Amino acid sequence: MNSISPECQELKVQYDACFNRWFKEKFLKGQTDDASCADLFASYQSCVKVVSYVFQLQIRMFKNNGHSKSSD
């Protein structure tokens, strides 16, 4: 599955690879400490949050410029 935004895609690919490696090599063998991918997850999560924030700003700007119908 692709990321929510192309800007975050490479981070998602890196995190997914790390997670899949951790799951296969550690979790399935009983090692549940998932800290090895925490930094990659934090970077990906941060990117998604920024993209979501920018998208919300764009929606507000669009609405404030008279592009939404009022229910009067």
C-alpha atoms as a PDB file:
ATOM      1  CA  MET A   1       0.000   0.000   0.000  1.00  0.00           C
ATOM      2  CA  ASN A   2       1.257   3.475  -0.808  1.00  0.00           C
ATOM      3  CA  SER A   3       1.642   6.290   1.657  1.00  0.00           C
ATOM      4  CA  ILE A   4      -1.008   8.961   2.068  1.00  0.00           C
ATOM      5  CA  SER A   5       1.287  11.330   0.179  1.00  0.00           C
ATOM      6  CA  PRO A   6       4.141  10.963  -2.324  1.00  0.00           C
ATOM      7  CA  GLU A   7       6.286  13.135  -0.043  1.00  0.00           C
ATOM      8  CA  CYS A   8       6.166  10.399   2.607  1.00  0.00           C
ATOM      9  CA  GLN A   9       6.463   7.360   0.340  1.00  0.00           C
ATOM     10  CA  GLU A  10      10.188   6.704   0.809  1.00  0.00           C
ATOM     11  CA  LEU A  11       9.851   6.912   4.598  1.00  0.00           C
ATOM     12  CA  LYS A  12       6.948   4.463   4.455  1.00  0.00           C
ATOM     13  CA  VAL A  13       8.972   2.038   2.325  1.00  0.00           C
ATOM     14  CA  GLN A  14      11.855   2.199   4.805  1.00  0.00           C
ATOM     15  CA  TYR A  15       9.588   1.742   7.814  1.00  0.00           C
ATOM     16  CA  ASP A  16       7.655  -1.129   6.204  1.00  0.00           C
ATOM     17  CA  ALA A  17      10.922  -2.931   5.392  1.00  0.00           C
ATOM     18  CA  CYS A  18      12.165  -2.452   8.950  1.00  0.00           C
ATOM     19  CA  PHE A  19       8.868  -3.601  10.451  1.00  0.00           C
ATOM     20  CA  ASN A  20       8.657  -6.688   8.218  1.00  0.00           C
ATOM     21  CA  ARG A  21      12.256  -7.613   9.068  1.00  0.00           C
ATOM     22  CA  TRP A  22      11.589  -7.115  12.806  1.00  0.00           C
ATOM     23  CA  PHE A  23       8.369  -9.121  12.645  1.00  0.00           C
ATOM     24  CA  LYS A  24       9.978 -12.052  10.859  1.00  0.00           C
ATOM     25  CA  GLU A  25      13.360 -12.104  12.581  1.00  0.00           C
ATOM     26  CA  LYS A  26      12.385 -11.109  16.116  1.00  0.00           C
ATOM     27  CA  PHE A  27       8.668 -11.014  16.918  1.00  0.00           C
ATOM     28  CA  LEU A  28       7.917 -14.484  15.574  1.00  0.00           C
ATOM     29  CA  LYS A  29      10.798 -15.769  17.717  1.00  0.00           C
ATOM     30  CA  GLY A  30       9.362 -14.239  20.879  1.00  0.00           C
ATOM     31  CA  GLN A  31      11.335 -10.983  20.973  1.00  0.00           C
ATOM     32  CA  THR A  32       8.683  -8.308  21.347  1.00  0.00           C
ATOM     33  CA  ASP A  33      10.885  -5.211  21.759  1.00  0.00           C
ATOM     34  CA  ASP A  34      10.030  -3.127  18.689  1.00  0.00           C
ATOM     35  CA  ALA A  35      12.414  -0.235  19.395  1.00  0.00           C
ATOM     36  CA  SER A  36      14.567  -1.063  16.372  1.00  0.00           C
ATOM     37  CA  CYS A  37      12.094   0.661  14.010  1.00  0.00           C
ATOM     38  CA  ALA A  38      10.936   3.431  16.348  1.00  0.00           C
ATOM     39  CA  ASP A  39      13.000   6.194  14.718  1.00  0.00           C
ATOM     40  CA  LEU A  40      11.763   5.302  11.232  1.00  0.00           C
ATOM     41  CA  PHE A  41       8.184   5.178  12.469  1.00  0.00           C
ATOM     42  CA  ALA A  42       8.541   8.578  14.155  1.00  0.00           C
ATOM     43  CA  SER A  43       9.920  10.094  10.935  1.00  0.00           C
ATOM     44  CA  TYR A  44       7.127   8.628   8.827  1.00  0.00           C
ATOM     45  CA  GLN A  45       4.480   9.672  11.353  1.00  0.00           C
ATOM     46  CA  SER A  46       5.861  13.215  11.405  1.00  0.00           C
ATOM     47  CA  CYS A  47       5.727  13.419   7.609  1.00  0.00           C
ATOM     48  CA  VAL A  48       2.109  12.216   7.551  1.00  0.00           C
ATOM     49  CA  LYS A  49       1.140  14.757  10.209  1.00  0.00           C
ATOM     50  CA  VAL A  50       2.703  17.615   8.233  1.00  0.00           C
ATOM     51  CA  VAL A  51       1.009  16.539   5.006  1.00  0.00           C
ATOM     52  CA  SER A  52      -2.341  16.219   6.812  1.00  0.00           C
ATOM     53  CA  TYR A  53      -1.949  19.673   8.346  1.00  0.00           C
ATOM     54  CA  VAL A  54      -1.119  21.241   4.974  1.00  0.00           C
ATOM     55  CA  PHE A  55      -4.116  19.486   3.413  1.00  0.00           C
ATOM     56  CA  GLN A  56      -6.403  20.847   6.140  1.00  0.00           C
ATOM     57  CA  LEU A  57      -5.035  24.356   5.528  1.00  0.00           C
ATOM     58  CA  GLN A  58      -5.709  24.015   1.814  1.00  0.00           C
ATOM     59  CA  ILE A  59      -9.296  22.977   2.507  1.00  0.00           C
ATOM     60  CA  ARG A  60      -9.818  25.963   4.817  1.00  0.00           C
ATOM     61  CA  MET A  61      -8.347  28.353   2.252  1.00  0.00           C
ATOM     62  CA  PHE A  62     -10.566  26.873  -0.437  1.00  0.00           C
ATOM     63  CA  LYS A  63     -13.662  27.288   1.740  1.00  0.00           C
ATOM     64  CA  ASN A  64     -12.687  30.818   2.797  1.00  0.00           C
ATOM     65  CA  ASN A  65     -12.309  31.886  -0.837  1.00  0.00           C
ATOM     66  CA  GLY A  66     -16.010  31.336  -1.455  1.00  0.00           C
ATOM     67  CA  HIS A  67     -15.786  27.877  -2.967  1.00  0.00           C
ATOM     68  CA  SER A  68     -18.235  26.270  -0.595  1.00  0.00           C
ATOM     69  CA  LYS A  69     -21.976  26.648  -0.807  1.00  0.00           C
ATOM     70  CA  SER A  70     -23.722  28.129   2.187  1.00  0.00           C
ATOM     71  CA  SER A  71     -26.856  26.506   3.502  1.00  0.00           C
ATOM     72  CA  ASP A  72     -28.827  29.766   3.723  1.00  0.00           C
END
